[in-house]
């Protein structure tokens, strides 16, 4: 797992956007398609604005799926999709139909999770292999909506699942199997509250949910606040 450290949140987000843009160009040249899963959080919206303004990317070949989503009404500020759509409105280089929303407004969430699994298969093969999964890191060691103590951590036979209530909301999330099949995993960690968990992630601590993500194809981009002393050796 490679670590790259940048001076601040904006610089880390810009570097992540540049890295993704390079991955898109390479994947489209090789396979004619790029399917990326995006997580929520504050810094990712900066990353997406930088990414979506990148002119030298074959956007017509790109599909965006969600890593996770809160069960909340359409347009709600808690929804990751709301912020993705805001980024798209600012830089309309990708069509709305290329963004595949988790169907968390469904009355039958279990069926909706199966429906999203089918969407992943349609986009990325059977079993689906995403080109890139972008992940964040919570101060409690969670990533995606794979949160400490939730039964979702034990799911191995489904690519999409539902969590219990976490921070006031149920969530729909990608599970370990589909995340770990990805060709590339990009961690983006910013802020001093991430220092402890970033160290544990880099040390391969399997006791935190983030530690169970595959390391072989992973890269971590962090700012100095999150990296702390790690920045001295990165």
C-alpha atoms as a PDB file:
ATOM      1  CA  UNK A   1       0.000   0.000   0.000  1.00  0.00           C
ATOM      2  CA  UNK A   2       1.582   3.256  -1.154  1.00  0.00           C
ATOM      3  CA  UNK A   3       1.187   6.511   0.800  1.00  0.00           C
ATOM      4  CA  UNK A   4       1.505   9.978  -0.716  1.00  0.00           C
ATOM      5  CA  UNK A   5       1.219  13.028   1.538  1.00  0.00           C
ATOM      6  CA  UNK A   6       0.292  16.547   0.445  1.00  0.00           C
ATOM      7  CA  UNK A   7       0.324  19.837   2.273  1.00  0.00           C
ATOM      8  CA  UNK A   8      -3.370  20.365   2.814  1.00  0.00           C
ATOM      9  CA  UNK A   9      -6.844  19.084   2.010  1.00  0.00           C
ATOM     10  CA  UNK A  10      -7.128  20.929  -1.307  1.00  0.00           C
ATOM     11  CA  UNK A  11      -3.763  19.665  -2.542  1.00  0.00           C
ATOM     12  CA  UNK A  12      -4.644  16.085  -1.553  1.00  0.00           C
ATOM     13  CA  UNK A  13      -7.992  16.321  -3.349  1.00  0.00           C
ATOM     14  CA  UNK A  14      -6.315  17.722  -6.462  1.00  0.00           C
ATOM     15  CA  UNK A  15      -3.756  14.907  -6.455  1.00  0.00           C
ATOM     16  CA  UNK A  16      -6.520  12.318  -6.094  1.00  0.00           C
ATOM     17  CA  UNK A  17      -8.386  13.840  -9.032  1.00  0.00           C
ATOM     18  CA  UNK A  18      -5.251  13.767 -11.180  1.00  0.00           C
ATOM     19  CA  UNK A  19      -4.601  10.148 -10.251  1.00  0.00           C
ATOM     20  CA  UNK A  20      -8.156   9.129 -11.175  1.00  0.00           C
ATOM     21  CA  UNK A  21      -7.976  11.008 -14.475  1.00  0.00           C
ATOM     22  CA  UNK A  22      -4.832   9.067 -15.385  1.00  0.00           C
ATOM     23  CA  UNK A  23      -6.537   5.795 -14.440  1.00  0.00           C
ATOM     24  CA  UNK A  24      -9.526   6.697 -16.644  1.00  0.00           C
ATOM     25  CA  UNK A  25      -7.371   7.378 -19.674  1.00  0.00           C
ATOM     26  CA  UNK A  26      -5.447   4.127 -19.269  1.00  0.00           C
ATOM     27  CA  UNK A  27      -8.551   1.984 -18.664  1.00  0.00           C
ATOM     28  CA  UNK A  28     -10.512   3.413 -21.581  1.00  0.00           C
ATOM     29  CA  UNK A  29      -7.542   2.872 -23.884  1.00  0.00           C
ATOM     30  CA  UNK A  30      -7.320  -0.760 -22.744  1.00  0.00           C
ATOM     31  CA  UNK A  31     -10.946  -1.735 -22.100  1.00  0.00           C
ATOM     32  CA  UNK A  32     -13.048   1.103 -23.584  1.00  0.00           C
ATOM     33  CA  UNK A  33     -14.822   1.733 -20.249  1.00  0.00           C
ATOM     34  CA  UNK A  34     -14.124   2.979 -16.743  1.00  0.00           C
ATOM     35  CA  UNK A  35     -16.415   2.219 -13.819  1.00  0.00           C
ATOM     36  CA  UNK A  36     -15.639   4.107 -10.626  1.00  0.00           C
ATOM     37  CA  UNK A  37     -17.265   3.862  -7.194  1.00  0.00           C
ATOM     38  CA  UNK A  38     -17.337   7.089  -5.177  1.00  0.00           C
ATOM     39  CA  UNK A  39     -17.642   7.557  -1.418  1.00  0.00           C
ATOM     40  CA  UNK A  40     -18.982  10.535   0.518  1.00  0.00           C
ATOM     41  CA  UNK A  41     -17.305  13.026   2.827  1.00  0.00           C
ATOM     42  CA  UNK A  42     -16.148  16.637   2.640  1.00  0.00           C
ATOM     43  CA  UNK A  43     -12.854  16.303   0.764  1.00  0.00           C
ATOM     44  CA  UNK A  44     -14.282  14.017  -1.962  1.00  0.00           C
ATOM     45  CA  UNK A  45     -16.529  16.829  -3.179  1.00  0.00           C
ATOM     46  CA  UNK A  46     -13.395  18.940  -3.743  1.00  0.00           C
ATOM     47  CA  UNK A  47     -11.830  15.962  -5.515  1.00  0.00           C
ATOM     48  CA  UNK A  48     -14.890  15.485  -7.736  1.00  0.00           C
ATOM     49  CA  UNK A  49     -15.051  19.152  -8.704  1.00  0.00           C
ATOM     50  CA  UNK A  50     -11.405  18.973  -9.773  1.00  0.00           C
ATOM     51  CA  UNK A  51     -11.960  15.666 -11.555  1.00  0.00           C
ATOM     52  CA  UNK A  52     -15.111  16.696 -13.405  1.00  0.00           C
ATOM     53  CA  UNK A  53     -13.411  19.857 -14.670  1.00  0.00           C
ATOM     54  CA  UNK A  54     -10.604  17.792 -16.227  1.00  0.00           C
ATOM     55  CA  UNK A  55     -10.896  18.293 -19.983  1.00  0.00           C
ATOM     56  CA  UNK A  56      -8.475  15.600 -21.123  1.00  0.00           C
ATOM     57  CA  UNK A  57     -10.622  12.648 -20.023  1.00  0.00           C
ATOM     58  CA  UNK A  58     -12.899  10.497 -22.269  1.00  0.00           C
ATOM     59  CA  UNK A  59     -15.976  11.164 -20.134  1.00  0.00           C
ATOM     60  CA  UNK A  60     -18.342   9.450 -22.549  1.00  0.00           C
ATOM     61  CA  UNK A  61     -16.766   6.129 -21.479  1.00  0.00           C
ATOM     62  CA  UNK A  62     -17.043   6.700 -17.721  1.00  0.00           C
ATOM     63  CA  UNK A  63     -19.687   5.347 -15.343  1.00  0.00           C
ATOM     64  CA  UNK A  64     -19.947   6.359 -11.711  1.00  0.00           C
ATOM     65  CA  UNK A  65     -21.516   4.176  -9.032  1.00  0.00           C
ATOM     66  CA  UNK A  66     -21.846   4.756  -5.324  1.00  0.00           C
ATOM     67  CA  UNK A  67     -19.807   3.099  -2.589  1.00  0.00           C
ATOM     68  CA  UNK A  68     -22.541   3.792  -0.059  1.00  0.00           C
ATOM     69  CA  UNK A  69     -25.596   5.916   0.562  1.00  0.00           C
ATOM     70  CA  UNK A  70     -27.781   6.948   3.479  1.00  0.00           C
ATOM     71  CA  UNK A  71     -31.446   6.013   3.396  1.00  0.00           C
ATOM     72  CA  UNK A  72     -32.908   9.498   3.010  1.00  0.00           C
ATOM     73  CA  UNK A  73     -35.204  11.348   0.581  1.00  0.00           C
ATOM     74  CA  UNK A  74     -34.027  12.564  -2.819  1.00  0.00           C
ATOM     75  CA  UNK A  75     -32.103  15.827  -2.621  1.00  0.00           C
ATOM     76  CA  UNK A  76     -31.509  15.548   1.130  1.00  0.00           C
ATOM     77  CA  UNK A  77     -28.150  17.009   2.236  1.00  0.00           C
ATOM     78  CA  UNK A  78     -27.357  13.704   3.989  1.00  0.00           C
ATOM     79  CA  UNK A  79     -27.328  11.945   0.622  1.00  0.00           C
ATOM     80  CA  UNK A  80     -23.980  11.447  -1.084  1.00  0.00           C
ATOM     81  CA  UNK A  81     -25.812  11.582  -4.414  1.00  0.00           C
ATOM     82  CA  UNK A  82     -26.901  15.159  -3.698  1.00  0.00           C
ATOM     83  CA  UNK A  83     -23.270  16.285  -3.541  1.00  0.00           C
ATOM     84  CA  UNK A  84     -22.251  14.244  -6.581  1.00  0.00           C
ATOM     85  CA  UNK A  85     -25.018  15.903  -8.573  1.00  0.00           C
ATOM     86  CA  UNK A  86     -23.946  19.344  -7.363  1.00  0.00           C
ATOM     87  CA  UNK A  87     -20.423  18.637  -8.602  1.00  0.00           C
ATOM     88  CA  UNK A  88     -21.837  17.550 -11.955  1.00  0.00           C
ATOM     89  CA  UNK A  89     -23.917  20.700 -12.316  1.00  0.00           C
ATOM     90  CA  UNK A  90     -20.791  22.814 -11.925  1.00  0.00           C
ATOM     91  CA  UNK A  91     -18.854  20.857 -14.558  1.00  0.00           C
ATOM     92  CA  UNK A  92     -21.237  19.079 -16.930  1.00  0.00           C
ATOM     93  CA  UNK A  93     -18.697  16.904 -18.728  1.00  0.00           C
ATOM     94  CA  UNK A  94     -20.509  13.683 -17.842  1.00  0.00           C
ATOM     95  CA  UNK A  95     -24.155  12.915 -18.548  1.00  0.00           C
ATOM     96  CA  UNK A  96     -26.543  12.314 -15.631  1.00  0.00           C
ATOM     97  CA  UNK A  97     -27.390   8.832 -16.933  1.00  0.00           C
ATOM     98  CA  UNK A  98     -23.738   7.838 -16.440  1.00  0.00           C
ATOM     99  CA  UNK A  99     -24.201   8.241 -12.679  1.00  0.00           C
ATOM    100  CA  UNK A 100     -25.907   5.202 -11.167  1.00  0.00           C
ATOM    101  CA  UNK A 101     -27.598   6.041  -7.880  1.00  0.00           C
ATOM    102  CA  UNK A 102     -28.177   3.541  -5.114  1.00  0.00           C
ATOM    103  CA  UNK A 103     -31.999   3.100  -4.956  1.00  0.00           C
ATOM    104  CA  UNK A 104     -32.364   4.013  -1.280  1.00  0.00           C
ATOM    105  CA  UNK A 105     -35.788   5.613  -1.805  1.00  0.00           C
ATOM    106  CA  UNK A 106     -37.294   2.194  -2.535  1.00  0.00           C
ATOM    107  CA  UNK A 107     -40.009   0.829  -0.259  1.00  0.00           C
ATOM    108  CA  UNK A 108     -38.269  -2.558  -0.396  1.00  0.00           C
ATOM    109  CA  UNK A 109     -34.640  -1.909   0.479  1.00  0.00           C
ATOM    110  CA  UNK A 110     -33.595  -5.558   0.380  1.00  0.00           C
ATOM    111  CA  UNK A 111     -34.829  -5.854  -3.182  1.00  0.00           C
ATOM    112  CA  UNK A 112     -33.223  -2.508  -3.988  1.00  0.00           C
ATOM    113  CA  UNK A 113     -29.841  -3.819  -2.839  1.00  0.00           C
ATOM    114  CA  UNK A 114     -30.243  -6.814  -5.169  1.00  0.00           C
ATOM    115  CA  UNK A 115     -31.205  -4.421  -7.949  1.00  0.00           C
ATOM    116  CA  UNK A 116     -28.014  -2.425  -7.418  1.00  0.00           C
ATOM    117  CA  UNK A 117     -25.958  -5.608  -7.467  1.00  0.00           C
ATOM    118  CA  UNK A 118     -27.488  -6.323 -10.871  1.00  0.00           C
ATOM    119  CA  UNK A 119     -26.548  -2.815 -12.017  1.00  0.00           C
ATOM    120  CA  UNK A 120     -22.932  -3.459 -11.036  1.00  0.00           C
ATOM    121  CA  UNK A 121     -22.951  -6.719 -12.980  1.00  0.00           C
ATOM    122  CA  UNK A 122     -24.342  -4.969 -16.040  1.00  0.00           C
ATOM    123  CA  UNK A 123     -21.627  -2.319 -15.875  1.00  0.00           C
ATOM    124  CA  UNK A 124     -18.612  -4.290 -14.704  1.00  0.00           C
ATOM    125  CA  UNK A 125     -19.108  -7.981 -15.497  1.00  0.00           C
ATOM    126  CA  UNK A 126     -19.949 -11.088 -13.497  1.00  0.00           C
ATOM    127  CA  UNK A 127     -18.751 -10.958 -10.831  1.00  0.00           C
ATOM    128  CA  UNK A 128     -18.374  -7.190 -11.173  1.00  0.00           C
ATOM    129  CA  UNK A 129     -14.840  -5.856 -11.131  1.00  0.00           C
ATOM    130  CA  UNK A 130     -14.794  -2.102 -10.695  1.00  0.00           C
ATOM    131  CA  UNK A 131     -11.917  -0.161 -12.203  1.00  0.00           C
ATOM    132  CA  UNK A 132     -11.487   2.060  -9.159  1.00  0.00           C
ATOM    133  CA  UNK A 133     -13.065   2.321  -5.713  1.00  0.00           C
ATOM    134  CA  UNK A 134     -12.560   5.561  -3.837  1.00  0.00           C
ATOM    135  CA  UNK A 135     -12.721   5.171  -0.065  1.00  0.00           C
ATOM    136  CA  UNK A 136     -12.654   7.436   2.946  1.00  0.00           C
ATOM    137  CA  UNK A 137     -11.616   6.603   6.490  1.00  0.00           C
ATOM    138  CA  UNK A 138     -13.711   7.320   9.574  1.00  0.00           C
ATOM    139  CA  UNK A 139     -12.266   8.195  12.985  1.00  0.00           C
ATOM    140  CA  UNK A 140     -13.762   4.902  14.243  1.00  0.00           C
ATOM    141  CA  UNK A 141     -12.019   2.906  11.511  1.00  0.00           C
ATOM    142  CA  UNK A 142     -15.025   2.485   9.251  1.00  0.00           C
ATOM    143  CA  UNK A 143     -14.906   2.803   5.495  1.00  0.00           C
ATOM    144  CA  UNK A 144     -17.780   2.834   3.004  1.00  0.00           C
ATOM    145  CA  UNK A 145     -20.627   2.003   5.422  1.00  0.00           C
ATOM    146  CA  UNK A 146     -18.722  -0.960   6.791  1.00  0.00           C
ATOM    147  CA  UNK A 147     -18.988   0.140  10.404  1.00  0.00           C
ATOM    148  CA  UNK A 148     -17.690  -1.470  13.596  1.00  0.00           C
ATOM    149  CA  UNK A 149     -19.961  -4.169  14.988  1.00  0.00           C
ATOM    150  CA  UNK A 150     -22.483  -4.194  12.152  1.00  0.00           C
ATOM    151  CA  UNK A 151     -23.501  -7.583  10.677  1.00  0.00           C
ATOM    152  CA  UNK A 152     -22.731  -6.167   7.215  1.00  0.00           C
ATOM    153  CA  UNK A 153     -19.049  -6.849   7.955  1.00  0.00           C
ATOM    154  CA  UNK A 154     -19.718 -10.592   7.719  1.00  0.00           C
ATOM    155  CA  UNK A 155     -21.470 -10.579   4.336  1.00  0.00           C
ATOM    156  CA  UNK A 156     -19.525 -12.515   1.720  1.00  0.00           C
ATOM    157  CA  UNK A 157     -22.261 -13.641  -0.694  1.00  0.00           C
ATOM    158  CA  UNK A 158     -23.533 -10.275  -1.884  1.00  0.00           C
ATOM    159  CA  UNK A 159     -21.874  -7.222  -3.392  1.00  0.00           C
ATOM    160  CA  UNK A 160     -24.413  -4.756  -1.973  1.00  0.00           C
ATOM    161  CA  UNK A 161     -26.017  -4.862   1.463  1.00  0.00           C
ATOM    162  CA  UNK A 162     -27.882  -2.831   4.070  1.00  0.00           C
ATOM    163  CA  UNK A 163     -26.573  -1.757   7.443  1.00  0.00           C
ATOM    164  CA  UNK A 164     -28.310  -1.092  10.710  1.00  0.00           C
ATOM    165  CA  UNK A 165     -28.746   2.484  11.913  1.00  0.00           C
ATOM    166  CA  UNK A 166     -25.426   4.336  12.072  1.00  0.00           C
ATOM    167  CA  UNK A 167     -25.243   8.021  12.986  1.00  0.00           C
ATOM    168  CA  UNK A 168     -29.002   8.258  12.634  1.00  0.00           C
ATOM    169  CA  UNK A 169     -29.433   6.555   9.251  1.00  0.00           C
ATOM    170  CA  UNK A 170     -29.520   3.103   7.735  1.00  0.00           C
ATOM    171  CA  UNK A 171     -27.171   2.792   4.778  1.00  0.00           C
ATOM    172  CA  UNK A 172     -26.774   0.832   1.590  1.00  0.00           C
ATOM    173  CA  UNK A 173     -23.147  -0.112   0.970  1.00  0.00           C
ATOM    174  CA  UNK A 174     -20.780  -2.062  -1.203  1.00  0.00           C
ATOM    175  CA  UNK A 175     -19.383  -5.039   0.687  1.00  0.00           C
ATOM    176  CA  UNK A 176     -15.868  -6.408   1.039  1.00  0.00           C
ATOM    177  CA  UNK A 177     -16.087  -8.871  -1.880  1.00  0.00           C
ATOM    178  CA  UNK A 178     -16.781  -6.283  -4.583  1.00  0.00           C
ATOM    179  CA  UNK A 179     -14.455  -3.654  -3.083  1.00  0.00           C
ATOM    180  CA  UNK A 180     -11.599  -6.129  -2.865  1.00  0.00           C
ATOM    181  CA  UNK A 181     -12.085  -7.228  -6.488  1.00  0.00           C
ATOM    182  CA  UNK A 182     -11.443  -3.689  -7.736  1.00  0.00           C
ATOM    183  CA  UNK A 183      -8.513  -3.095 -10.036  1.00  0.00           C
ATOM    184  CA  UNK A 184      -7.536  -0.028  -8.005  1.00  0.00           C
ATOM    185  CA  UNK A 185      -8.436   1.263  -4.535  1.00  0.00           C
ATOM    186  CA  UNK A 186      -7.846   4.916  -3.708  1.00  0.00           C
ATOM    187  CA  UNK A 187      -7.980   6.062  -0.099  1.00  0.00           C
ATOM    188  CA  UNK A 188      -8.364   9.804   0.510  1.00  0.00           C
ATOM    189  CA  UNK A 189      -7.748  10.803   4.137  1.00  0.00           C
ATOM    190  CA  UNK A 190      -7.606  14.374   5.402  1.00  0.00           C
ATOM    191  CA  UNK A 191      -7.825  16.006   8.810  1.00  0.00           C
ATOM    192  CA  UNK A 192      -6.048  15.397  12.110  1.00  0.00           C
ATOM    193  CA  UNK A 193      -8.920  13.256  13.421  1.00  0.00           C
ATOM    194  CA  UNK A 194      -7.816  10.561  10.948  1.00  0.00           C
ATOM    195  CA  UNK A 195      -4.255  10.201  12.283  1.00  0.00           C
ATOM    196  CA  UNK A 196      -4.754   7.202  14.549  1.00  0.00           C
ATOM    197  CA  UNK A 197      -6.849   5.199  12.106  1.00  0.00           C
ATOM    198  CA  UNK A 198      -4.613   6.022   9.159  1.00  0.00           C
ATOM    199  CA  UNK A 199      -1.679   4.594  11.069  1.00  0.00           C
ATOM    200  CA  UNK A 200      -3.662   1.476  11.896  1.00  0.00           C
ATOM    201  CA  UNK A 201      -4.785   1.124   8.274  1.00  0.00           C
ATOM    202  CA  UNK A 202      -1.233   1.362   6.988  1.00  0.00           C
ATOM    203  CA  UNK A 203      -0.127  -1.201   9.573  1.00  0.00           C
ATOM    204  CA  UNK A 204      -2.749  -3.672   8.339  1.00  0.00           C
ATOM    205  CA  UNK A 205      -4.826  -3.657  11.532  1.00  0.00           C
ATOM    206  CA  UNK A 206      -7.589  -6.206  10.851  1.00  0.00           C
ATOM    207  CA  UNK A 207      -9.508  -5.179  13.973  1.00  0.00           C
ATOM    208  CA  UNK A 208     -10.875  -2.090  12.220  1.00  0.00           C
ATOM    209  CA  UNK A 209     -13.250  -2.424   9.251  1.00  0.00           C
ATOM    210  CA  UNK A 210     -10.928  -0.445   6.976  1.00  0.00           C
ATOM    211  CA  UNK A 211      -8.106  -2.865   7.718  1.00  0.00           C
ATOM    212  CA  UNK A 212      -9.899  -5.682   5.913  1.00  0.00           C
ATOM    213  CA  UNK A 213      -9.718  -3.920   2.548  1.00  0.00           C
ATOM    214  CA  UNK A 214      -7.210  -5.444   0.124  1.00  0.00           C
ATOM    215  CA  UNK A 215      -3.831  -3.706   0.194  1.00  0.00           C
ATOM    216  CA  UNK A 216      -2.228  -4.982  -3.018  1.00  0.00           C
ATOM    217  CA  UNK A 217      -3.976  -2.580  -5.394  1.00  0.00           C
ATOM    218  CA  UNK A 218      -4.376   0.265  -2.878  1.00  0.00           C
ATOM    219  CA  UNK A 219      -2.961   3.775  -2.732  1.00  0.00           C
ATOM    220  CA  UNK A 220      -3.437   6.301   0.084  1.00  0.00           C
ATOM    221  CA  UNK A 221      -3.466  10.032  -0.546  1.00  0.00           C
ATOM    222  CA  UNK A 222      -3.440  12.083   2.669  1.00  0.00           C
ATOM    223  CA  UNK A 223      -2.817  15.600   3.834  1.00  0.00           C
ATOM    224  CA  UNK A 224      -0.198  16.374   6.474  1.00  0.00           C
ATOM    225  CA  UNK A 225      -2.822  16.755   9.173  1.00  0.00           C
ATOM    226  CA  UNK A 226      -4.005  13.172   8.672  1.00  0.00           C
ATOM    227  CA  UNK A 227      -0.545  11.713   8.121  1.00  0.00           C
ATOM    228  CA  UNK A 228       1.014  13.265  11.208  1.00  0.00           C
ATOM    229  CA  UNK A 229       4.444  11.708  11.807  1.00  0.00           C
ATOM    230  CA  UNK A 230       3.879   9.414   8.838  1.00  0.00           C
ATOM    231  CA  UNK A 231       4.464  12.465   6.639  1.00  0.00           C
ATOM    232  CA  UNK A 232       8.128  12.453   7.696  1.00  0.00           C
ATOM    233  CA  UNK A 233       8.742   9.110   5.992  1.00  0.00           C
ATOM    234  CA  UNK A 234       6.288   9.325   3.058  1.00  0.00           C
END
